[in-house]
Amino acid sequence: MIYCGIDLTEDDSTESTVAFLSDSVESYSFETNEELAEKIIESQPNIVAVNTGLKERRGLSEEEEELQEEGHIFTPASHDTQRVRRFQDLKRRIQAGLAAEDRPEFIRFDPAISGRELALDSDRSLESLGVEASGIESSREFDAVLGAVTARFYDQGQAEEMDVVVPTTLKDDSDDESSKSL
């Protein structure tokens, strides 16, 4: 399995970062959707996690409202239309370049939510999950790797879909027992 995370910027004036997670981690930065799409088509990931909504909408979705009520801070899709449109263009390019059976599944992630839920805030914390982090050179690369990690959790059934994929850690049965005794 190859997981992909994309820290997509609003426009071509700032580089977007893409990370691929399999047995190792590779990350790249590109200015244009064309360059991003070419790299993703070449790598053929199974799941692509993108840091923006997957479709335009007005107002908050019910799931986004619930996430805010739970204390998560993120940019709702309704406030991120330029990035959503850029993602839609990127998705079209990827789908046009791959046969239907090779097309990845696309999910939305938020680096702050994934980092908070998985307690990932440093290279060392990523390495505790078995993710080699020595090549990460910027916060954008770290965020893209968080997207790839979120995709892996999603694939393994350790995530909740709330318009934003919220990864969850496996609970230890002993934790449940100790909480019952309190």
N, C-alpha and C. Protein backbone atom coordinates (compact mmCIF):
# COMPACT_ATOMS: atom_id res chain seq x y z
N MET A 1 0.84 -1.19 0.00
CA MET A 1 0.00 0.00 0.00
C MET A 1 0.88 1.24 0.00
N ILE A 2 0.44 2.20 -0.77
CA ILE A 2 1.11 3.49 -0.79
C ILE A 2 0.08 4.53 -0.38
N TYR A 3 0.43 5.32 0.63
CA TYR A 3 -0.44 6.39 1.12
C TYR A 3 0.19 7.72 0.75
N CYS A 4 -0.66 8.67 0.43
CA CYS A 4 -0.20 9.98 -0.02
C CYS A 4 -0.88 11.06 0.81
N GLY A 5 -0.12 12.06 1.20
CA GLY A 5 -0.66 13.24 1.87
C GLY A 5 -0.24 14.46 1.09
N ILE A 6 -1.18 15.40 0.92
CA ILE A 6 -0.87 16.62 0.18
C ILE A 6 -1.19 17.83 1.03
N ASP A 7 -0.19 18.68 1.22
CA ASP A 7 -0.39 19.99 1.83
C ASP A 7 -0.54 20.96 0.66
N LEU A 8 -1.78 21.11 0.22
CA LEU A 8 -2.08 21.89 -0.98
C LEU A 8 -2.22 23.37 -0.62
N THR A 9 -1.54 24.22 -1.40
CA THR A 9 -1.66 25.65 -1.20
C THR A 9 -2.80 26.19 -2.05
N GLU A 10 -3.17 27.44 -1.81
CA GLU A 10 -4.30 28.03 -2.52
C GLU A 10 -4.01 28.30 -3.99
N ASP A 11 -2.74 28.60 -4.30
CA ASP A 11 -2.41 28.91 -5.69
C ASP A 11 -0.97 28.53 -5.98
N ASP A 12 -0.56 28.76 -7.20
CA ASP A 12 0.77 28.34 -7.67
C ASP A 12 1.91 29.24 -7.17
N SER A 13 1.61 30.31 -6.43
CA SER A 13 2.67 31.20 -5.98
C SER A 13 3.45 30.61 -4.80
N THR A 14 2.87 29.63 -4.13
CA THR A 14 3.53 28.94 -3.03
C THR A 14 3.53 27.45 -3.34
N GLU A 15 4.66 26.80 -3.12
CA GLU A 15 4.75 25.38 -3.43
C GLU A 15 3.86 24.54 -2.52
N SER A 16 3.21 23.56 -3.12
CA SER A 16 2.47 22.55 -2.38
C SER A 16 3.43 21.39 -2.13
N THR A 17 3.16 20.64 -1.07
CA THR A 17 4.04 19.53 -0.71
C THR A 17 3.24 18.24 -0.73
N VAL A 18 3.86 17.20 -1.26
CA VAL A 18 3.24 15.88 -1.31
C VAL A 18 4.19 14.88 -0.66
N ALA A 19 3.62 13.98 0.15
CA ALA A 19 4.42 12.95 0.80
C ALA A 19 3.82 11.59 0.49
N PHE A 20 4.68 10.61 0.30
CA PHE A 20 4.27 9.23 0.04
C PHE A 20 4.81 8.37 1.17
N LEU A 21 3.94 7.52 1.70
CA LEU A 21 4.31 6.63 2.80
C LEU A 21 4.04 5.19 2.38
N SER A 22 5.08 4.39 2.39
CA SER A 22 4.97 2.94 2.19
C SER A 22 5.93 2.34 3.20
N ASP A 23 6.97 1.67 2.74
CA ASP A 23 8.00 1.20 3.66
C ASP A 23 8.91 2.34 4.10
N SER A 24 8.88 3.43 3.35
CA SER A 24 9.69 4.61 3.65
C SER A 24 8.83 5.85 3.37
N VAL A 25 9.40 7.01 3.63
CA VAL A 25 8.71 8.28 3.38
C VAL A 25 9.50 9.06 2.34
N GLU A 26 8.78 9.57 1.35
CA GLU A 26 9.38 10.46 0.36
C GLU A 26 8.50 11.69 0.27
N SER A 27 9.12 12.85 0.16
CA SER A 27 8.31 14.07 0.01
C SER A 27 8.92 14.96 -1.08
N TYR A 28 8.02 15.71 -1.71
CA TYR A 28 8.39 16.57 -2.83
C TYR A 28 7.57 17.84 -2.74
N SER A 29 8.10 18.92 -3.33
CA SER A 29 7.37 20.18 -3.42
C SER A 29 7.24 20.58 -4.88
N PHE A 30 6.05 21.07 -5.22
CA PHE A 30 5.75 21.48 -6.59
C PHE A 30 4.92 22.75 -6.58
N GLU A 31 5.08 23.54 -7.62
CA GLU A 31 4.30 24.76 -7.74
C GLU A 31 2.96 24.53 -8.42
N THR A 32 2.92 23.70 -9.44
CA THR A 32 1.70 23.59 -10.25
C THR A 32 0.96 22.27 -10.02
N ASN A 33 -0.33 22.30 -10.31
CA ASN A 33 -1.12 21.08 -10.26
C ASN A 33 -0.62 20.05 -11.26
N GLU A 34 -0.15 20.52 -12.40
CA GLU A 34 0.36 19.60 -13.42
C GLU A 34 1.53 18.79 -12.87
N GLU A 35 2.46 19.45 -12.18
CA GLU A 35 3.61 18.75 -11.59
C GLU A 35 3.16 17.79 -10.49
N LEU A 36 2.24 18.24 -9.64
CA LEU A 36 1.70 17.39 -8.57
C LEU A 36 1.04 16.15 -9.15
N ALA A 37 0.19 16.37 -10.14
CA ALA A 37 -0.53 15.25 -10.75
C ALA A 37 0.43 14.25 -11.38
N GLU A 38 1.45 14.73 -12.07
CA GLU A 38 2.43 13.84 -12.69
C GLU A 38 3.09 12.94 -11.65
N LYS A 39 3.48 13.51 -10.51
CA LYS A 39 4.15 12.74 -9.47
C LYS A 39 3.19 11.72 -8.85
N ILE A 40 1.96 12.12 -8.62
CA ILE A 40 0.97 11.21 -8.02
C ILE A 40 0.65 10.08 -9.00
N ILE A 41 0.49 10.40 -10.27
CA ILE A 41 0.22 9.37 -11.29
C ILE A 41 1.39 8.39 -11.35
N GLU A 42 2.61 8.90 -11.30
CA GLU A 42 3.81 8.06 -11.33
C GLU A 42 3.86 7.13 -10.11
N SER A 43 3.49 7.64 -8.93
CA SER A 43 3.59 6.87 -7.68
C SER A 43 2.42 5.93 -7.44
N GLN A 44 1.28 6.22 -8.04
CA GLN A 44 0.05 5.42 -7.92
C GLN A 44 -0.31 5.04 -6.48
N PRO A 45 -0.55 6.04 -5.62
CA PRO A 45 -0.96 5.73 -4.25
C PRO A 45 -2.37 5.14 -4.22
N ASN A 46 -2.66 4.42 -3.15
CA ASN A 46 -3.99 3.84 -2.99
C ASN A 46 -4.97 4.85 -2.41
N ILE A 47 -4.49 5.66 -1.48
CA ILE A 47 -5.34 6.67 -0.83
C ILE A 47 -4.56 7.98 -0.81
N VAL A 48 -5.26 9.07 -1.16
CA VAL A 48 -4.67 10.41 -1.14
C VAL A 48 -5.45 11.25 -0.14
N ALA A 49 -4.74 11.77 0.86
CA ALA A 49 -5.33 12.67 1.85
C ALA A 49 -4.93 14.10 1.51
N VAL A 50 -5.93 14.97 1.39
CA VAL A 50 -5.69 16.36 0.99
C VAL A 50 -6.19 17.28 2.10
N ASN A 51 -5.48 18.36 2.34
CA ASN A 51 -5.79 19.27 3.44
C ASN A 51 -6.87 20.29 3.10
N THR A 52 -7.84 19.90 2.34
CA THR A 52 -8.94 20.80 2.00
C THR A 52 -10.20 19.99 1.76
N GLY A 53 -11.32 20.69 1.77
CA GLY A 53 -12.58 20.02 1.47
C GLY A 53 -12.57 19.44 0.08
N LEU A 54 -13.36 18.41 -0.12
CA LEU A 54 -13.38 17.72 -1.40
C LEU A 54 -14.41 18.32 -2.35
N LYS A 55 -15.31 19.14 -1.81
CA LYS A 55 -16.27 19.83 -2.68
C LYS A 55 -16.69 21.14 -2.04
N GLU A 56 -17.10 22.07 -2.89
CA GLU A 56 -17.54 23.37 -2.41
C GLU A 56 -18.88 23.24 -1.70
N ARG A 57 -19.06 24.08 -0.70
CA ARG A 57 -20.35 24.11 -0.01
C ARG A 57 -20.53 25.46 0.64
N ARG A 58 -21.78 25.74 0.95
CA ARG A 58 -22.10 26.97 1.67
C ARG A 58 -22.33 26.62 3.13
N GLY A 59 -21.69 27.32 4.00
CA GLY A 59 -21.86 27.06 5.42
C GLY A 59 -21.16 25.79 5.85
N LEU A 60 -21.31 25.48 7.12
CA LEU A 60 -20.70 24.28 7.69
C LEU A 60 -21.58 23.06 7.47
N SER A 61 -20.96 21.93 7.23
CA SER A 61 -21.70 20.68 7.19
C SER A 61 -22.01 20.28 8.64
N GLU A 62 -22.91 19.35 8.82
CA GLU A 62 -23.22 18.89 10.18
C GLU A 62 -21.98 18.32 10.85
N GLU A 63 -21.17 17.57 10.09
CA GLU A 63 -19.96 16.98 10.64
C GLU A 63 -18.94 18.05 11.04
N GLU A 64 -18.81 19.11 10.22
CA GLU A 64 -17.90 20.20 10.57
C GLU A 64 -18.37 20.90 11.84
N GLU A 65 -19.68 21.10 11.97
CA GLU A 65 -20.22 21.70 13.19
C GLU A 65 -19.87 20.84 14.40
N GLU A 66 -20.03 19.53 14.25
CA GLU A 66 -19.72 18.61 15.36
C GLU A 66 -18.24 18.67 15.72
N LEU A 67 -17.37 18.73 14.72
CA LEU A 67 -15.94 18.84 14.98
C LEU A 67 -15.63 20.12 15.75
N GLN A 68 -16.27 21.23 15.37
CA GLN A 68 -16.04 22.48 16.08
C GLN A 68 -16.55 22.40 17.52
N GLU A 69 -17.69 21.75 17.71
CA GLU A 69 -18.23 21.58 19.06
C GLU A 69 -17.30 20.74 19.92
N GLU A 70 -16.56 19.82 19.30
CA GLU A 70 -15.60 18.99 20.03
C GLU A 70 -14.29 19.74 20.29
N GLY A 71 -14.20 20.98 19.83
CA GLY A 71 -13.02 21.80 20.09
C GLY A 71 -11.96 21.78 19.03
N HIS A 72 -12.22 21.15 17.89
CA HIS A 72 -11.24 21.14 16.81
C HIS A 72 -11.25 22.48 16.08
N ILE A 73 -10.08 22.94 15.74
CA ILE A 73 -9.93 24.18 15.00
C ILE A 73 -9.42 23.82 13.60
N PHE A 74 -10.16 24.22 12.57
CA PHE A 74 -9.80 23.91 11.19
C PHE A 74 -10.51 24.92 10.29
N THR A 75 -10.12 24.92 9.02
CA THR A 75 -10.77 25.80 8.05
C THR A 75 -11.91 25.04 7.39
N PRO A 76 -13.16 25.48 7.60
CA PRO A 76 -14.29 24.82 6.94
C PRO A 76 -14.17 24.94 5.42
N ALA A 77 -14.70 23.97 4.71
CA ALA A 77 -14.64 23.98 3.24
C ALA A 77 -15.28 25.24 2.68
N SER A 78 -16.31 25.77 3.34
CA SER A 78 -16.99 26.96 2.84
C SER A 78 -16.10 28.20 2.89
N HIS A 79 -15.03 28.18 3.69
CA HIS A 79 -14.10 29.30 3.77
C HIS A 79 -12.82 29.05 2.99
N ASP A 80 -12.77 27.97 2.24
CA ASP A 80 -11.54 27.55 1.58
C ASP A 80 -11.78 27.27 0.09
N THR A 81 -12.65 28.07 -0.54
CA THR A 81 -13.09 27.76 -1.90
C THR A 81 -11.96 27.75 -2.93
N GLN A 82 -10.98 28.62 -2.79
CA GLN A 82 -9.89 28.66 -3.77
C GLN A 82 -9.09 27.35 -3.72
N ARG A 83 -8.80 26.87 -2.52
CA ARG A 83 -8.05 25.62 -2.37
C ARG A 83 -8.91 24.43 -2.82
N VAL A 84 -10.22 24.46 -2.52
CA VAL A 84 -11.12 23.38 -2.96
C VAL A 84 -11.13 23.30 -4.48
N ARG A 85 -11.21 24.44 -5.13
CA ARG A 85 -11.21 24.44 -6.61
C ARG A 85 -9.89 23.94 -7.16
N ARG A 86 -8.80 24.30 -6.51
CA ARG A 86 -7.50 23.81 -6.97
C ARG A 86 -7.43 22.29 -6.79
N PHE A 87 -7.95 21.79 -5.68
CA PHE A 87 -7.97 20.35 -5.47
C PHE A 87 -8.83 19.66 -6.54
N GLN A 88 -9.98 20.22 -6.87
CA GLN A 88 -10.85 19.61 -7.88
C GLN A 88 -10.13 19.50 -9.22
N ASP A 89 -9.37 20.52 -9.57
CA ASP A 89 -8.57 20.47 -10.80
C ASP A 89 -7.50 19.38 -10.70
N LEU A 90 -6.84 19.30 -9.57
CA LEU A 90 -5.80 18.28 -9.37
C LEU A 90 -6.40 16.88 -9.48
N LYS A 91 -7.55 16.68 -8.86
CA LYS A 91 -8.21 15.37 -8.90
C LYS A 91 -8.57 14.97 -10.33
N ARG A 92 -9.09 15.93 -11.10
CA ARG A 92 -9.42 15.65 -12.51
C ARG A 92 -8.18 15.23 -13.29
N ARG A 93 -7.09 15.90 -13.07
CA ARG A 93 -5.84 15.57 -13.76
C ARG A 93 -5.36 14.16 -13.41
N ILE A 94 -5.44 13.82 -12.12
CA ILE A 94 -5.01 12.49 -11.67
C ILE A 94 -5.91 11.42 -12.28
N GLN A 95 -7.21 11.63 -12.21
CA GLN A 95 -8.13 10.64 -12.74
C GLN A 95 -7.99 10.48 -14.25
N ALA A 96 -7.70 11.56 -14.95
CA ALA A 96 -7.51 11.47 -16.40
C ALA A 96 -6.24 10.71 -16.76
N GLY A 97 -5.25 10.72 -15.85
CA GLY A 97 -3.97 10.07 -16.13
C GLY A 97 -3.88 8.62 -15.70
N LEU A 98 -4.93 8.12 -15.05
CA LEU A 98 -4.89 6.74 -14.55
C LEU A 98 -6.12 5.97 -15.02
N ALA A 99 -5.92 4.68 -15.24
CA ALA A 99 -7.06 3.81 -15.55
C ALA A 99 -7.96 3.75 -14.33
N ALA A 100 -9.24 3.51 -14.53
CA ALA A 100 -10.23 3.53 -13.44
C ALA A 100 -9.80 2.66 -12.27
N GLU A 101 -9.27 1.47 -12.54
CA GLU A 101 -8.89 0.56 -11.46
C GLU A 101 -7.64 1.01 -10.70
N ASP A 102 -6.88 1.97 -11.25
CA ASP A 102 -5.67 2.47 -10.59
C ASP A 102 -5.88 3.79 -9.88
N ARG A 103 -7.06 4.36 -9.96
CA ARG A 103 -7.33 5.66 -9.35
C ARG A 103 -7.39 5.54 -7.83
N PRO A 104 -6.77 6.49 -7.14
CA PRO A 104 -6.79 6.44 -5.68
C PRO A 104 -8.12 6.93 -5.11
N GLU A 105 -8.33 6.57 -3.86
CA GLU A 105 -9.46 7.13 -3.10
C GLU A 105 -8.96 8.45 -2.51
N PHE A 106 -9.80 9.47 -2.50
CA PHE A 106 -9.44 10.77 -1.96
C PHE A 106 -10.18 11.02 -0.66
N ILE A 107 -9.45 11.48 0.35
CA ILE A 107 -10.04 11.82 1.63
C ILE A 107 -9.53 13.19 2.06
N ARG A 108 -10.25 13.82 2.95
CA ARG A 108 -9.85 15.12 3.50
C ARG A 108 -9.25 14.91 4.88
N PHE A 109 -8.13 15.56 5.12
CA PHE A 109 -7.53 15.54 6.45
C PHE A 109 -7.22 16.96 6.87
N ASP A 110 -6.99 17.15 8.14
CA ASP A 110 -6.53 18.43 8.65
C ASP A 110 -5.32 18.14 9.53
N PRO A 111 -4.17 18.76 9.24
CA PRO A 111 -2.96 18.42 9.99
C PRO A 111 -3.09 18.69 11.50
N ALA A 112 -3.81 19.75 11.87
CA ALA A 112 -3.97 20.05 13.30
C ALA A 112 -4.79 18.97 13.99
N ILE A 113 -5.85 18.51 13.33
CA ILE A 113 -6.70 17.47 13.92
C ILE A 113 -5.92 16.16 14.01
N SER A 114 -5.27 15.76 12.93
CA SER A 114 -4.50 14.50 12.95
C SER A 114 -3.39 14.56 13.99
N GLY A 115 -2.67 15.68 14.03
CA GLY A 115 -1.59 15.83 15.00
C GLY A 115 -2.09 15.74 16.43
N ARG A 116 -3.22 16.38 16.68
CA ARG A 116 -3.79 16.38 18.03
C ARG A 116 -4.30 14.99 18.42
N GLU A 117 -5.04 14.35 17.54
CA GLU A 117 -5.64 13.06 17.85
C GLU A 117 -4.59 11.96 18.02
N LEU A 118 -3.50 12.05 17.29
CA LEU A 118 -2.46 11.01 17.35
C LEU A 118 -1.25 11.43 18.18
N ALA A 119 -1.34 12.62 18.79
CA ALA A 119 -0.23 13.16 19.59
C ALA A 119 1.07 13.18 18.77
N LEU A 120 0.96 13.67 17.54
CA LEU A 120 2.11 13.77 16.65
C LEU A 120 2.48 15.24 16.49
N ASP A 121 3.59 15.63 17.11
CA ASP A 121 4.00 17.02 17.03
C ASP A 121 5.49 17.19 16.74
N SER A 122 6.16 16.07 16.45
CA SER A 122 7.59 16.15 16.18
C SER A 122 8.02 14.94 15.34
N ASP A 123 9.24 15.03 14.81
CA ASP A 123 9.79 13.89 14.07
C ASP A 123 9.83 12.66 14.96
N ARG A 124 10.20 12.86 16.20
CA ARG A 124 10.30 11.74 17.15
C ARG A 124 8.96 11.04 17.34
N SER A 125 7.89 11.82 17.42
CA SER A 125 6.57 11.21 17.61
C SER A 125 6.15 10.43 16.36
N LEU A 126 6.52 10.91 15.17
CA LEU A 126 6.26 10.15 13.94
C LEU A 126 7.02 8.84 13.96
N GLU A 127 8.26 8.90 14.40
CA GLU A 127 9.09 7.69 14.44
C GLU A 127 8.53 6.66 15.41
N SER A 128 7.78 7.10 16.43
CA SER A 128 7.16 6.15 17.36
C SER A 128 6.09 5.31 16.66
N LEU A 129 5.61 5.79 15.49
CA LEU A 129 4.65 5.02 14.68
C LEU A 129 5.36 4.21 13.59
N GLY A 130 6.68 4.25 13.59
CA GLY A 130 7.43 3.52 12.58
C GLY A 130 7.61 4.30 11.29
N VAL A 131 7.41 5.61 11.35
CA VAL A 131 7.56 6.46 10.17
C VAL A 131 8.92 7.16 10.24
N GLU A 132 9.77 6.89 9.27
CA GLU A 132 11.10 7.50 9.22
C GLU A 132 10.94 8.99 8.94
N ALA A 133 11.40 9.81 9.86
CA ALA A 133 11.16 11.25 9.75
C ALA A 133 12.42 12.06 9.52
N SER A 134 13.56 11.42 9.39
CA SER A 134 14.82 12.16 9.28
C SER A 134 14.90 13.05 8.04
N GLY A 135 14.15 12.72 7.00
CA GLY A 135 14.19 13.51 5.77
C GLY A 135 13.23 14.69 5.75
N ILE A 136 12.42 14.84 6.78
CA ILE A 136 11.46 15.95 6.82
C ILE A 136 12.19 17.23 7.13
N GLU A 137 12.07 18.21 6.21
CA GLU A 137 12.86 19.43 6.34
C GLU A 137 12.03 20.69 6.58
N SER A 138 10.70 20.58 6.60
CA SER A 138 9.88 21.77 6.81
C SER A 138 8.55 21.40 7.45
N SER A 139 7.86 22.40 7.94
CA SER A 139 6.54 22.15 8.54
C SER A 139 5.55 21.69 7.47
N ARG A 140 5.70 22.16 6.25
CA ARG A 140 4.81 21.73 5.16
C ARG A 140 5.02 20.24 4.86
N GLU A 141 6.28 19.80 4.86
CA GLU A 141 6.55 18.38 4.65
C GLU A 141 5.98 17.56 5.80
N PHE A 142 6.13 18.06 7.03
CA PHE A 142 5.57 17.38 8.20
C PHE A 142 4.06 17.23 8.05
N ASP A 143 3.39 18.31 7.62
CA ASP A 143 1.93 18.26 7.43
C ASP A 143 1.54 17.27 6.34
N ALA A 144 2.31 17.22 5.25
CA ALA A 144 2.01 16.26 4.18
C ALA A 144 2.18 14.83 4.69
N VAL A 145 3.21 14.59 5.50
CA VAL A 145 3.41 13.26 6.08
C VAL A 145 2.25 12.94 7.03
N LEU A 146 1.78 13.92 7.79
CA LEU A 146 0.59 13.70 8.64
C LEU A 146 -0.60 13.24 7.79
N GLY A 147 -0.73 13.81 6.60
CA GLY A 147 -1.80 13.39 5.69
C GLY A 147 -1.64 11.93 5.28
N ALA A 148 -0.41 11.53 4.95
CA ALA A 148 -0.16 10.14 4.56
C ALA A 148 -0.43 9.20 5.74
N VAL A 149 -0.05 9.61 6.94
CA VAL A 149 -0.30 8.80 8.14
C VAL A 149 -1.82 8.70 8.37
N THR A 150 -2.52 9.80 8.18
CA THR A 150 -3.99 9.79 8.32
C THR A 150 -4.61 8.82 7.32
N ALA A 151 -4.11 8.81 6.09
CA ALA A 151 -4.60 7.88 5.08
C ALA A 151 -4.38 6.44 5.52
N ARG A 152 -3.23 6.17 6.13
CA ARG A 152 -2.95 4.82 6.61
C ARG A 152 -3.93 4.43 7.73
N PHE A 153 -4.17 5.33 8.67
CA PHE A 153 -5.13 5.05 9.75
C PHE A 153 -6.52 4.82 9.16
N TYR A 154 -6.89 5.62 8.18
CA TYR A 154 -8.19 5.48 7.52
C TYR A 154 -8.30 4.10 6.87
N ASP A 155 -7.26 3.69 6.16
CA ASP A 155 -7.25 2.40 5.48
C ASP A 155 -7.35 1.24 6.47
N GLN A 156 -6.78 1.42 7.64
CA GLN A 156 -6.78 0.36 8.64
C GLN A 156 -8.03 0.40 9.53
N GLY A 157 -8.99 1.24 9.18
CA GLY A 157 -10.23 1.31 9.96
C GLY A 157 -10.07 2.00 11.30
N GLN A 158 -9.04 2.80 11.44
CA GLN A 158 -8.78 3.51 12.69
C GLN A 158 -9.03 5.00 12.50
N ALA A 159 -10.19 5.33 11.96
CA ALA A 159 -10.52 6.73 11.73
C ALA A 159 -12.03 6.88 11.64
N GLU A 160 -12.46 8.08 11.91
CA GLU A 160 -13.87 8.42 11.81
C GLU A 160 -14.02 9.45 10.70
N GLU A 161 -14.96 9.26 9.80
CA GLU A 161 -15.20 10.17 8.68
C GLU A 161 -16.23 11.21 9.12
N MET A 162 -15.78 12.47 9.22
CA MET A 162 -16.65 13.57 9.63
C MET A 162 -16.44 14.76 8.70
N ASP A 163 -16.49 14.53 7.40
CA ASP A 163 -16.07 15.49 6.37
C ASP A 163 -14.56 15.72 6.43
N VAL A 164 -13.97 15.54 7.58
CA VAL A 164 -12.54 15.50 7.79
C VAL A 164 -12.28 14.14 8.43
N VAL A 165 -11.31 13.41 7.92
CA VAL A 165 -10.99 12.11 8.52
C VAL A 165 -10.26 12.37 9.84
N VAL A 166 -10.82 11.83 10.91
CA VAL A 166 -10.26 11.99 12.25
C VAL A 166 -9.68 10.63 12.67
N PRO A 167 -8.35 10.51 12.69
CA PRO A 167 -7.75 9.23 13.07
C PRO A 167 -7.99 8.94 14.55
N THR A 168 -8.10 7.67 14.87
CA THR A 168 -8.27 7.25 16.26
C THR A 168 -7.23 6.20 16.57
N THR A 169 -6.75 6.22 17.78
CA THR A 169 -5.78 5.21 18.19
C THR A 169 -6.53 4.03 18.77
N LEU A 170 -5.89 2.88 18.71
CA LEU A 170 -6.48 1.69 19.30
C LEU A 170 -6.46 1.83 20.81
N LYS A 171 -7.58 1.50 21.43
CA LYS A 171 -7.64 1.59 22.88
C LYS A 171 -7.18 0.27 23.47
N ASP A 172 -6.43 0.38 24.52
CA ASP A 172 -5.96 -0.79 25.27
C ASP A 172 -7.08 -1.21 26.21
N ASP A 173 -7.40 -2.50 26.26
CA ASP A 173 -8.46 -2.99 27.13
C ASP A 173 -8.22 -2.63 28.59
N SER A 174 -6.94 -2.55 28.99
CA SER A 174 -6.66 -2.21 30.38
C SER A 174 -7.09 -0.77 30.68
N ASP A 175 -7.04 0.11 29.68
CA ASP A 175 -7.51 1.49 29.87
C ASP A 175 -8.99 1.49 30.20
N ASP A 176 -9.76 0.66 29.51
CA ASP A 176 -11.20 0.59 29.76
C ASP A 176 -11.49 0.11 31.17
N GLU A 177 -10.72 -0.87 31.62
CA GLU A 177 -10.92 -1.42 32.97
C GLU A 177 -10.60 -0.38 34.03
N SER A 178 -9.50 0.37 33.81
CA SER A 178 -9.13 1.37 34.82
C SER A 178 -10.13 2.50 34.88
N SER A 179 -10.72 2.86 33.75
CA SER A 179 -11.69 3.95 33.76
C SER A 179 -13.00 3.50 34.44
N LYS A 180 -13.30 2.20 34.38
CA LYS A 180 -14.51 1.69 35.03
C LYS A 180 -14.37 1.76 36.54
N SER A 181 -13.15 1.60 37.04
CA SER A 181 -12.97 1.57 38.49
C SER A 181 -12.96 2.96 39.10
N LEU A 182 -12.85 3.99 38.29
CA LEU A 182 -12.84 5.35 38.83
C LEU A 182 -14.16 5.79 39.20
